[in-house]
Amino acid sequence: MEEKVKEKWVIDNTHSEIGFMVRHLMISKVRGQFKQFDASIYTTGDDFMTSEIDCYIDAASIDTGNADRDVHVKAPDFFDVENHPQISFIGNSIESVDKDGSYELWGDLTIKGITKKIKLDVEFGGVIKDPWGNEKAAFSINGAVNRKDFELNWNVPLDGGGLLVGEEVKIHAEIQLKRSA
């Protein structure tokens, strides 16, 4: 029997994004994204069920569309990027949900030095060669975390009840990988 080779995949940052959404004033949503991230991804052959995933995000690359808010989110009230410059996700296991390319990815998310096991829902878009002969794979990823689990506790009570910033943070990523030569 022929042994399958470990394949390395890299993120195509031009065609990938990692974003989030959180409630604001209990009635609206604020979205943001991280502009700088990378990953080390290895598969056995083309089998993404065998993926070894180490993803790293530059916490200081956060962009919510408002410079003042970004400064606050980088400060000790939230990410404390001076002491915790990196957010990481290490994949532990992948489980197929159906035969249509839906998976559950379990792994360890680390923010501010605090690690929690989380589940991400993954939709596999497929593998295809681009017009320049590069082999690409695409994934849509969704999940949610409670920001207080990572000591992102800052908030302000509202006069009418509730809090300025919601606790649940929804995660969304569109990731395109390129097989490394």
N, C-alpha and C. Protein backbone atom coordinates (compact mmCIF):
# COMPACT_ATOMS: atom_id res chain seq x y z
N MET A 1 0.83 -1.18 0.00
CA MET A 1 0.00 0.00 0.00
C MET A 1 0.89 1.26 0.00
N GLU A 2 0.52 2.21 -0.83
CA GLU A 2 1.29 3.44 -0.96
C GLU A 2 0.98 4.38 0.20
N GLU A 3 2.06 4.91 0.82
CA GLU A 3 1.88 5.83 1.94
C GLU A 3 1.56 7.23 1.41
N LYS A 4 0.54 7.84 1.99
CA LYS A 4 0.15 9.19 1.56
C LYS A 4 1.11 10.22 2.13
N VAL A 5 1.38 11.23 1.35
CA VAL A 5 2.32 12.28 1.72
C VAL A 5 1.60 13.39 2.46
N LYS A 6 2.30 13.96 3.45
CA LYS A 6 1.75 15.14 4.14
C LYS A 6 1.82 16.31 3.18
N GLU A 7 0.70 16.98 3.05
CA GLU A 7 0.60 18.15 2.18
C GLU A 7 0.50 19.41 3.03
N LYS A 8 1.22 20.45 2.67
CA LYS A 8 1.14 21.73 3.38
C LYS A 8 0.25 22.67 2.57
N TRP A 9 -0.65 23.35 3.28
CA TRP A 9 -1.54 24.34 2.69
C TRP A 9 -1.28 25.67 3.39
N VAL A 10 -1.32 26.76 2.63
CA VAL A 10 -1.15 28.10 3.21
C VAL A 10 -2.39 28.93 2.91
N ILE A 11 -2.65 29.91 3.75
CA ILE A 11 -3.81 30.77 3.55
C ILE A 11 -3.51 31.75 2.42
N ASP A 12 -4.46 31.86 1.51
CA ASP A 12 -4.42 32.89 0.47
C ASP A 12 -5.09 34.13 1.08
N ASN A 13 -4.27 35.01 1.68
CA ASN A 13 -4.80 36.17 2.41
C ASN A 13 -5.60 37.12 1.52
N THR A 14 -5.31 37.15 0.23
CA THR A 14 -6.04 38.02 -0.68
C THR A 14 -7.49 37.60 -0.81
N HIS A 15 -7.76 36.31 -0.60
CA HIS A 15 -9.11 35.77 -0.78
C HIS A 15 -9.67 35.18 0.51
N SER A 16 -9.18 35.65 1.66
CA SER A 16 -9.62 35.13 2.94
C SER A 16 -9.91 36.27 3.90
N GLU A 17 -10.80 36.01 4.86
CA GLU A 17 -11.10 37.01 5.89
C GLU A 17 -11.54 36.31 7.17
N ILE A 18 -11.21 36.93 8.28
CA ILE A 18 -11.66 36.45 9.59
C ILE A 18 -12.37 37.62 10.26
N GLY A 19 -13.65 37.44 10.54
CA GLY A 19 -14.45 38.52 11.10
C GLY A 19 -15.27 38.08 12.30
N PHE A 20 -15.94 39.06 12.89
CA PHE A 20 -16.77 38.80 14.06
C PHE A 20 -17.91 39.80 14.10
N MET A 21 -18.89 39.53 14.94
CA MET A 21 -20.03 40.41 15.14
C MET A 21 -20.43 40.31 16.61
N VAL A 22 -20.76 41.47 17.20
CA VAL A 22 -21.21 41.52 18.59
C VAL A 22 -22.34 42.55 18.70
N ARG A 23 -23.29 42.28 19.58
CA ARG A 23 -24.41 43.21 19.80
C ARG A 23 -23.90 44.49 20.44
N HIS A 24 -24.53 45.60 20.04
CA HIS A 24 -24.22 46.91 20.59
C HIS A 24 -25.53 47.60 20.97
N LEU A 25 -25.60 48.13 22.18
CA LEU A 25 -26.80 48.79 22.70
C LEU A 25 -28.01 47.86 22.74
N MET A 26 -27.78 46.57 22.70
CA MET A 26 -28.84 45.55 22.76
C MET A 26 -29.73 45.53 21.50
N ILE A 27 -29.57 46.48 20.59
CA ILE A 27 -30.49 46.58 19.45
C ILE A 27 -29.81 46.51 18.09
N SER A 28 -28.49 46.63 18.06
CA SER A 28 -27.80 46.60 16.77
C SER A 28 -26.57 45.71 16.86
N LYS A 29 -25.83 45.61 15.76
CA LYS A 29 -24.65 44.75 15.72
C LYS A 29 -23.47 45.55 15.18
N VAL A 30 -22.32 45.30 15.76
CA VAL A 30 -21.06 45.88 15.27
C VAL A 30 -20.24 44.73 14.71
N ARG A 31 -19.71 44.95 13.53
CA ARG A 31 -18.87 43.95 12.89
C ARG A 31 -17.43 44.42 12.85
N GLY A 32 -16.53 43.49 12.78
CA GLY A 32 -15.12 43.81 12.65
C GLY A 32 -14.40 42.65 12.03
N GLN A 33 -13.13 42.87 11.74
CA GLN A 33 -12.32 41.80 11.18
C GLN A 33 -10.87 41.98 11.61
N PHE A 34 -10.12 40.93 11.44
CA PHE A 34 -8.69 40.97 11.69
C PHE A 34 -8.01 40.99 10.32
N LYS A 35 -7.08 41.91 10.15
CA LYS A 35 -6.44 42.11 8.85
C LYS A 35 -5.20 41.23 8.66
N GLN A 36 -4.60 40.76 9.75
CA GLN A 36 -3.38 39.95 9.64
C GLN A 36 -3.55 38.64 10.39
N PHE A 37 -3.39 37.55 9.65
CA PHE A 37 -3.51 36.21 10.22
C PHE A 37 -2.74 35.24 9.34
N ASP A 38 -2.43 34.10 9.90
CA ASP A 38 -1.70 33.07 9.17
C ASP A 38 -2.05 31.72 9.78
N ALA A 39 -1.69 30.67 9.10
CA ALA A 39 -1.95 29.33 9.61
C ALA A 39 -0.94 28.35 9.06
N SER A 40 -0.73 27.30 9.80
CA SER A 40 0.06 26.17 9.37
C SER A 40 -0.93 25.01 9.28
N ILE A 41 -1.17 24.52 8.07
CA ILE A 41 -2.18 23.48 7.85
C ILE A 41 -1.55 22.35 7.06
N TYR A 42 -1.67 21.15 7.60
CA TYR A 42 -1.15 19.95 6.93
C TYR A 42 -2.26 18.92 6.81
N THR A 43 -2.31 18.25 5.69
CA THR A 43 -3.25 17.16 5.48
C THR A 43 -2.48 15.94 5.01
N THR A 44 -3.08 14.78 5.18
CA THR A 44 -2.54 13.56 4.59
C THR A 44 -3.18 13.44 3.22
N GLY A 45 -2.36 13.58 2.19
CA GLY A 45 -2.91 13.62 0.83
C GLY A 45 -3.87 14.79 0.72
N ASP A 46 -5.02 14.57 0.09
CA ASP A 46 -6.03 15.62 -0.07
C ASP A 46 -7.15 15.50 0.96
N ASP A 47 -6.95 14.70 2.00
CA ASP A 47 -8.00 14.43 2.98
C ASP A 47 -8.00 15.48 4.08
N PHE A 48 -8.92 16.44 4.00
CA PHE A 48 -8.99 17.50 5.00
C PHE A 48 -9.51 17.00 6.35
N MET A 49 -10.04 15.78 6.40
CA MET A 49 -10.43 15.19 7.68
C MET A 49 -9.20 14.88 8.53
N THR A 50 -8.02 14.85 7.91
CA THR A 50 -6.78 14.59 8.63
C THR A 50 -6.03 15.88 8.99
N SER A 51 -6.68 17.02 8.81
CA SER A 51 -6.01 18.32 8.96
C SER A 51 -5.38 18.53 10.33
N GLU A 52 -4.17 19.05 10.29
CA GLU A 52 -3.49 19.58 11.46
C GLU A 52 -3.52 21.09 11.27
N ILE A 53 -4.19 21.82 12.16
CA ILE A 53 -4.45 23.24 11.97
C ILE A 53 -3.91 24.05 13.14
N ASP A 54 -3.03 24.98 12.84
CA ASP A 54 -2.55 25.96 13.80
C ASP A 54 -2.75 27.33 13.16
N CYS A 55 -3.68 28.12 13.71
CA CYS A 55 -4.02 29.43 13.14
C CYS A 55 -3.61 30.52 14.13
N TYR A 56 -3.02 31.58 13.60
CA TYR A 56 -2.54 32.68 14.43
C TYR A 56 -3.08 34.00 13.89
N ILE A 57 -3.61 34.82 14.78
CA ILE A 57 -4.18 36.12 14.41
C ILE A 57 -3.44 37.21 15.17
N ASP A 58 -3.05 38.26 14.46
CA ASP A 58 -2.44 39.43 15.09
C ASP A 58 -3.57 40.25 15.71
N ALA A 59 -3.68 40.23 17.04
CA ALA A 59 -4.78 40.92 17.73
C ALA A 59 -4.79 42.42 17.44
N ALA A 60 -3.62 43.00 17.20
CA ALA A 60 -3.54 44.43 16.93
C ALA A 60 -4.05 44.79 15.54
N SER A 61 -4.31 43.80 14.70
CA SER A 61 -4.78 44.07 13.34
C SER A 61 -6.30 44.21 13.26
N ILE A 62 -6.94 44.30 14.42
CA ILE A 62 -8.40 44.42 14.46
C ILE A 62 -8.85 45.71 13.77
N ASP A 63 -9.95 45.60 13.04
CA ASP A 63 -10.51 46.76 12.33
C ASP A 63 -12.03 46.67 12.44
N THR A 64 -12.61 47.61 13.20
CA THR A 64 -14.07 47.65 13.35
C THR A 64 -14.69 48.79 12.55
N GLY A 65 -13.85 49.49 11.78
CA GLY A 65 -14.36 50.61 11.01
C GLY A 65 -14.39 51.91 11.79
N ASN A 66 -13.89 51.90 13.04
CA ASN A 66 -13.87 53.10 13.87
C ASN A 66 -12.56 53.12 14.63
N ALA A 67 -11.68 54.08 14.32
CA ALA A 67 -10.33 54.12 14.89
C ALA A 67 -10.35 54.22 16.42
N ASP A 68 -11.25 55.06 16.99
CA ASP A 68 -11.31 55.20 18.45
C ASP A 68 -11.72 53.89 19.11
N ARG A 69 -12.71 53.20 18.52
CA ARG A 69 -13.14 51.92 19.07
C ARG A 69 -12.01 50.89 18.97
N ASP A 70 -11.29 50.90 17.85
CA ASP A 70 -10.18 49.96 17.67
C ASP A 70 -9.11 50.16 18.74
N VAL A 71 -8.80 51.41 19.07
CA VAL A 71 -7.82 51.70 20.13
C VAL A 71 -8.31 51.12 21.45
N HIS A 72 -9.60 51.29 21.77
CA HIS A 72 -10.15 50.77 23.02
C HIS A 72 -10.11 49.24 23.03
N VAL A 73 -10.45 48.61 21.91
CA VAL A 73 -10.49 47.14 21.87
C VAL A 73 -9.08 46.54 21.99
N LYS A 74 -8.06 47.29 21.56
CA LYS A 74 -6.67 46.82 21.69
C LYS A 74 -6.13 47.01 23.11
N ALA A 75 -6.79 47.86 23.91
CA ALA A 75 -6.35 48.21 25.25
C ALA A 75 -6.64 47.09 26.26
N PRO A 76 -6.14 47.22 27.50
CA PRO A 76 -6.36 46.19 28.53
C PRO A 76 -7.83 45.85 28.82
N ASP A 77 -8.78 46.76 28.56
CA ASP A 77 -10.20 46.45 28.77
C ASP A 77 -10.64 45.25 27.94
N PHE A 78 -9.99 45.05 26.79
CA PHE A 78 -10.37 43.95 25.90
C PHE A 78 -9.14 43.07 25.60
N PHE A 79 -8.53 43.21 24.43
CA PHE A 79 -7.48 42.28 24.01
C PHE A 79 -6.13 42.49 24.69
N ASP A 80 -5.84 43.67 25.19
CA ASP A 80 -4.56 43.95 25.84
C ASP A 80 -3.41 43.49 24.94
N VAL A 81 -3.38 44.05 23.73
CA VAL A 81 -2.42 43.57 22.70
C VAL A 81 -0.97 43.78 23.09
N GLU A 82 -0.70 44.72 23.98
CA GLU A 82 0.69 44.92 24.40
C GLU A 82 1.22 43.68 25.13
N ASN A 83 0.38 43.05 25.94
CA ASN A 83 0.78 41.85 26.69
C ASN A 83 0.35 40.55 26.02
N HIS A 84 -0.64 40.61 25.12
CA HIS A 84 -1.16 39.42 24.46
C HIS A 84 -1.35 39.73 22.97
N PRO A 85 -0.26 39.78 22.23
CA PRO A 85 -0.34 40.22 20.83
C PRO A 85 -0.99 39.22 19.88
N GLN A 86 -1.15 37.98 20.32
CA GLN A 86 -1.62 36.95 19.40
C GLN A 86 -2.84 36.20 19.92
N ILE A 87 -3.75 35.94 19.01
CA ILE A 87 -4.89 35.05 19.25
C ILE A 87 -4.56 33.78 18.48
N SER A 88 -4.80 32.62 19.07
CA SER A 88 -4.49 31.39 18.34
C SER A 88 -5.64 30.40 18.40
N PHE A 89 -5.70 29.56 17.39
CA PHE A 89 -6.65 28.45 17.35
C PHE A 89 -5.88 27.23 16.89
N ILE A 90 -5.92 26.18 17.70
CA ILE A 90 -5.27 24.91 17.38
C ILE A 90 -6.37 23.87 17.21
N GLY A 91 -6.52 23.35 15.99
CA GLY A 91 -7.55 22.35 15.73
C GLY A 91 -7.21 21.03 16.37
N ASN A 92 -8.21 20.39 17.00
CA ASN A 92 -8.02 19.10 17.65
C ASN A 92 -8.67 17.95 16.90
N SER A 93 -9.88 18.19 16.36
CA SER A 93 -10.58 17.12 15.65
C SER A 93 -11.60 17.70 14.69
N ILE A 94 -11.88 16.93 13.66
CA ILE A 94 -12.87 17.30 12.65
C ILE A 94 -13.84 16.15 12.53
N GLU A 95 -15.13 16.47 12.58
CA GLU A 95 -16.17 15.44 12.48
C GLU A 95 -17.12 15.81 11.35
N SER A 96 -17.44 14.84 10.51
CA SER A 96 -18.38 15.07 9.42
C SER A 96 -19.80 15.13 9.99
N VAL A 97 -20.57 16.12 9.53
CA VAL A 97 -21.95 16.30 9.99
C VAL A 97 -22.91 15.67 8.99
N ASP A 98 -22.58 15.77 7.72
CA ASP A 98 -23.41 15.19 6.66
C ASP A 98 -22.53 14.86 5.45
N LYS A 99 -23.14 14.42 4.40
CA LYS A 99 -22.38 14.05 3.20
C LYS A 99 -22.29 15.21 2.21
N ASP A 100 -22.72 16.40 2.63
CA ASP A 100 -22.73 17.56 1.75
C ASP A 100 -21.61 18.55 2.06
N GLY A 101 -20.58 18.15 2.80
CA GLY A 101 -19.46 19.04 3.06
C GLY A 101 -19.58 19.88 4.31
N SER A 102 -20.43 19.46 5.26
CA SER A 102 -20.55 20.18 6.54
C SER A 102 -19.80 19.41 7.62
N TYR A 103 -19.02 20.15 8.41
CA TYR A 103 -18.17 19.53 9.42
C TYR A 103 -18.23 20.34 10.71
N GLU A 104 -17.85 19.69 11.81
CA GLU A 104 -17.61 20.37 13.08
C GLU A 104 -16.12 20.29 13.35
N LEU A 105 -15.52 21.45 13.54
CA LEU A 105 -14.09 21.53 13.86
C LEU A 105 -13.98 21.93 15.32
N TRP A 106 -13.35 21.08 16.11
CA TRP A 106 -13.14 21.34 17.53
C TRP A 106 -11.69 21.73 17.73
N GLY A 107 -11.47 22.71 18.61
CA GLY A 107 -10.10 23.11 18.87
C GLY A 107 -9.99 24.04 20.05
N ASP A 108 -8.76 24.46 20.32
CA ASP A 108 -8.45 25.32 21.45
C ASP A 108 -8.22 26.74 20.96
N LEU A 109 -9.08 27.66 21.43
CA LEU A 109 -8.95 29.07 21.12
C LEU A 109 -8.28 29.74 22.32
N THR A 110 -7.21 30.51 22.05
CA THR A 110 -6.50 31.22 23.10
C THR A 110 -6.57 32.72 22.84
N ILE A 111 -7.13 33.43 23.81
CA ILE A 111 -7.22 34.89 23.78
C ILE A 111 -6.76 35.39 25.15
N LYS A 112 -5.85 36.35 25.18
CA LYS A 112 -5.33 36.91 26.44
C LYS A 112 -4.73 35.83 27.34
N GLY A 113 -4.13 34.83 26.73
CA GLY A 113 -3.50 33.76 27.50
C GLY A 113 -4.47 32.75 28.08
N ILE A 114 -5.77 32.87 27.78
CA ILE A 114 -6.79 31.96 28.29
C ILE A 114 -7.23 31.04 27.15
N THR A 115 -7.17 29.74 27.37
CA THR A 115 -7.51 28.77 26.34
C THR A 115 -8.81 28.06 26.69
N LYS A 116 -9.71 28.02 25.71
CA LYS A 116 -11.00 27.33 25.85
C LYS A 116 -11.24 26.48 24.61
N LYS A 117 -11.83 25.30 24.83
CA LYS A 117 -12.21 24.44 23.71
C LYS A 117 -13.49 25.00 23.09
N ILE A 118 -13.48 25.15 21.76
CA ILE A 118 -14.65 25.66 21.05
C ILE A 118 -14.98 24.76 19.86
N LYS A 119 -16.20 24.92 19.37
CA LYS A 119 -16.64 24.21 18.17
C LYS A 119 -16.91 25.23 17.08
N LEU A 120 -16.42 24.95 15.89
CA LEU A 120 -16.69 25.79 14.72
C LEU A 120 -17.41 24.94 13.69
N ASP A 121 -18.42 25.51 13.06
CA ASP A 121 -19.13 24.83 11.97
C ASP A 121 -18.43 25.19 10.67
N VAL A 122 -18.08 24.17 9.91
CA VAL A 122 -17.29 24.36 8.69
C VAL A 122 -18.06 23.83 7.49
N GLU A 123 -18.11 24.63 6.46
CA GLU A 123 -18.67 24.20 5.18
C GLU A 123 -17.51 24.15 4.18
N PHE A 124 -17.24 22.97 3.65
CA PHE A 124 -16.16 22.76 2.69
C PHE A 124 -16.67 23.09 1.30
N GLY A 125 -16.03 24.07 0.65
CA GLY A 125 -16.46 24.49 -0.68
C GLY A 125 -15.91 23.62 -1.80
N GLY A 126 -14.81 22.92 -1.53
CA GLY A 126 -14.20 22.06 -2.54
C GLY A 126 -12.78 22.45 -2.84
N VAL A 127 -12.19 21.70 -3.78
CA VAL A 127 -10.82 21.94 -4.24
C VAL A 127 -10.89 22.14 -5.75
N ILE A 128 -10.13 23.13 -6.23
CA ILE A 128 -10.13 23.43 -7.66
C ILE A 128 -8.80 24.09 -8.03
N LYS A 129 -8.41 23.98 -9.29
CA LYS A 129 -7.23 24.70 -9.77
C LYS A 129 -7.66 26.06 -10.30
N ASP A 130 -6.90 27.08 -9.92
CA ASP A 130 -7.19 28.41 -10.43
C ASP A 130 -6.58 28.55 -11.84
N PRO A 131 -6.84 29.65 -12.54
CA PRO A 131 -6.34 29.80 -13.91
C PRO A 131 -4.81 29.78 -14.04
N TRP A 132 -4.08 29.92 -12.93
CA TRP A 132 -2.63 29.92 -12.95
C TRP A 132 -2.04 28.59 -12.50
N GLY A 133 -2.89 27.58 -12.34
CA GLY A 133 -2.44 26.24 -12.00
C GLY A 133 -2.27 25.97 -10.51
N ASN A 134 -2.66 26.91 -9.66
CA ASN A 134 -2.56 26.72 -8.21
C ASN A 134 -3.77 25.93 -7.72
N GLU A 135 -3.52 24.93 -6.90
CA GLU A 135 -4.61 24.16 -6.33
C GLU A 135 -5.13 24.87 -5.09
N LYS A 136 -6.44 25.16 -5.06
CA LYS A 136 -7.06 25.92 -3.98
C LYS A 136 -8.16 25.09 -3.32
N ALA A 137 -8.37 25.35 -2.03
CA ALA A 137 -9.47 24.76 -1.27
C ALA A 137 -10.16 25.90 -0.53
N ALA A 138 -11.48 25.82 -0.36
CA ALA A 138 -12.21 26.91 0.27
C ALA A 138 -13.13 26.39 1.38
N PHE A 139 -13.26 27.22 2.42
CA PHE A 139 -14.05 26.88 3.60
C PHE A 139 -14.78 28.11 4.11
N SER A 140 -16.03 27.93 4.53
CA SER A 140 -16.78 28.94 5.29
C SER A 140 -16.87 28.42 6.71
N ILE A 141 -16.53 29.27 7.67
CA ILE A 141 -16.44 28.85 9.07
C ILE A 141 -17.27 29.79 9.93
N ASN A 142 -18.09 29.21 10.82
CA ASN A 142 -18.93 29.98 11.73
C ASN A 142 -18.87 29.40 13.13
N GLY A 143 -18.98 30.27 14.12
CA GLY A 143 -19.00 29.82 15.50
C GLY A 143 -19.38 30.98 16.40
N ALA A 144 -19.38 30.73 17.69
CA ALA A 144 -19.68 31.77 18.67
C ALA A 144 -18.95 31.46 19.96
N VAL A 145 -18.52 32.51 20.63
CA VAL A 145 -17.88 32.39 21.95
C VAL A 145 -18.46 33.45 22.87
N ASN A 146 -18.35 33.21 24.16
CA ASN A 146 -18.70 34.22 25.15
C ASN A 146 -17.41 34.96 25.48
N ARG A 147 -17.39 36.26 25.23
CA ARG A 147 -16.16 37.04 25.40
C ARG A 147 -15.70 37.05 26.86
N LYS A 148 -16.64 36.90 27.81
CA LYS A 148 -16.27 36.90 29.22
C LYS A 148 -15.45 35.67 29.59
N ASP A 149 -15.58 34.58 28.81
CA ASP A 149 -14.75 33.39 29.05
C ASP A 149 -13.27 33.69 28.87
N PHE A 150 -12.96 34.77 28.15
CA PHE A 150 -11.57 35.15 27.87
C PHE A 150 -11.20 36.46 28.59
N GLU A 151 -11.98 36.80 29.62
CA GLU A 151 -11.77 38.00 30.43
C GLU A 151 -11.82 39.28 29.61
N LEU A 152 -12.67 39.29 28.59
CA LEU A 152 -12.97 40.51 27.84
C LEU A 152 -14.25 41.06 28.47
N ASN A 153 -14.13 41.58 29.69
CA ASN A 153 -15.27 41.86 30.55
C ASN A 153 -15.84 43.28 30.47
N TRP A 154 -15.12 44.22 29.93
CA TRP A 154 -15.54 45.63 29.97
C TRP A 154 -16.97 45.78 29.44
N ASN A 155 -17.74 46.65 30.11
CA ASN A 155 -19.10 46.92 29.67
C ASN A 155 -19.63 48.16 30.40
N VAL A 156 -20.77 48.65 29.94
CA VAL A 156 -21.45 49.79 30.55
C VAL A 156 -22.93 49.45 30.63
N PRO A 157 -23.54 49.56 31.84
CA PRO A 157 -24.99 49.32 31.93
C PRO A 157 -25.77 50.44 31.23
N LEU A 158 -26.88 50.07 30.62
CA LEU A 158 -27.74 51.03 29.94
C LEU A 158 -28.87 51.47 30.87
N ASP A 159 -29.29 52.73 30.76
CA ASP A 159 -30.36 53.25 31.62
C ASP A 159 -31.64 52.42 31.52
N GLY A 160 -31.97 51.97 30.34
CA GLY A 160 -33.20 51.21 30.14
C GLY A 160 -33.05 49.72 30.43
N GLY A 161 -31.90 49.32 30.95
CA GLY A 161 -31.62 47.91 31.22
C GLY A 161 -30.72 47.35 30.13
N GLY A 162 -30.02 46.29 30.45
CA GLY A 162 -29.10 45.68 29.51
C GLY A 162 -27.73 46.32 29.56
N LEU A 163 -26.88 45.89 28.63
CA LEU A 163 -25.49 46.34 28.60
C LEU A 163 -25.13 46.89 27.22
N LEU A 164 -24.13 47.75 27.20
CA LEU A 164 -23.68 48.37 25.95
C LEU A 164 -23.18 47.34 24.95
N VAL A 165 -22.38 46.36 25.41
CA VAL A 165 -21.76 45.38 24.52
C VAL A 165 -22.25 43.98 24.89
N GLY A 166 -22.74 43.24 23.92
CA GLY A 166 -23.20 41.87 24.15
C GLY A 166 -22.06 40.95 24.55
N GLU A 167 -22.40 39.86 25.22
CA GLU A 167 -21.39 38.89 25.64
C GLU A 167 -21.05 37.90 24.54
N GLU A 168 -22.03 37.52 23.70
CA GLU A 168 -21.78 36.55 22.64
C GLU A 168 -21.10 37.24 21.46
N VAL A 169 -20.02 36.64 21.01
CA VAL A 169 -19.31 37.12 19.83
C VAL A 169 -19.44 36.04 18.76
N LYS A 170 -20.04 36.40 17.64
CA LYS A 170 -20.17 35.45 16.53
C LYS A 170 -18.95 35.58 15.64
N ILE A 171 -18.41 34.45 15.26
CA ILE A 171 -17.21 34.39 14.43
C ILE A 171 -17.61 33.92 13.04
N HIS A 172 -17.04 34.58 12.03
CA HIS A 172 -17.25 34.15 10.65
C HIS A 172 -15.94 34.30 9.89
N ALA A 173 -15.58 33.27 9.16
CA ALA A 173 -14.37 33.32 8.34
C ALA A 173 -14.63 32.69 6.99
N GLU A 174 -14.08 33.30 5.98
CA GLU A 174 -14.02 32.74 4.64
C GLU A 174 -12.55 32.50 4.37
N ILE A 175 -12.18 31.24 4.25
CA ILE A 175 -10.78 30.89 4.12
C ILE A 175 -10.54 30.16 2.80
N GLN A 176 -9.56 30.66 2.06
CA GLN A 176 -9.13 30.00 0.83
C GLN A 176 -7.67 29.58 1.05
N LEU A 177 -7.44 28.30 0.86
CA LEU A 177 -6.10 27.75 1.03
C LEU A 177 -5.46 27.48 -0.32
N LYS A 178 -4.16 27.54 -0.33
CA LYS A 178 -3.39 27.21 -1.54
C LYS A 178 -2.40 26.10 -1.16
N ARG A 179 -2.39 25.05 -2.00
CA ARG A 179 -1.41 23.98 -1.74
C ARG A 179 -0.01 24.55 -1.92
N SER A 180 0.84 24.34 -0.92
CA SER A 180 2.19 24.85 -0.97
C SER A 180 3.04 23.97 -1.87
N ALA A 181 3.91 24.60 -2.64
CA ALA A 181 4.76 23.84 -3.57
C ALA A 181 5.81 23.05 -2.82
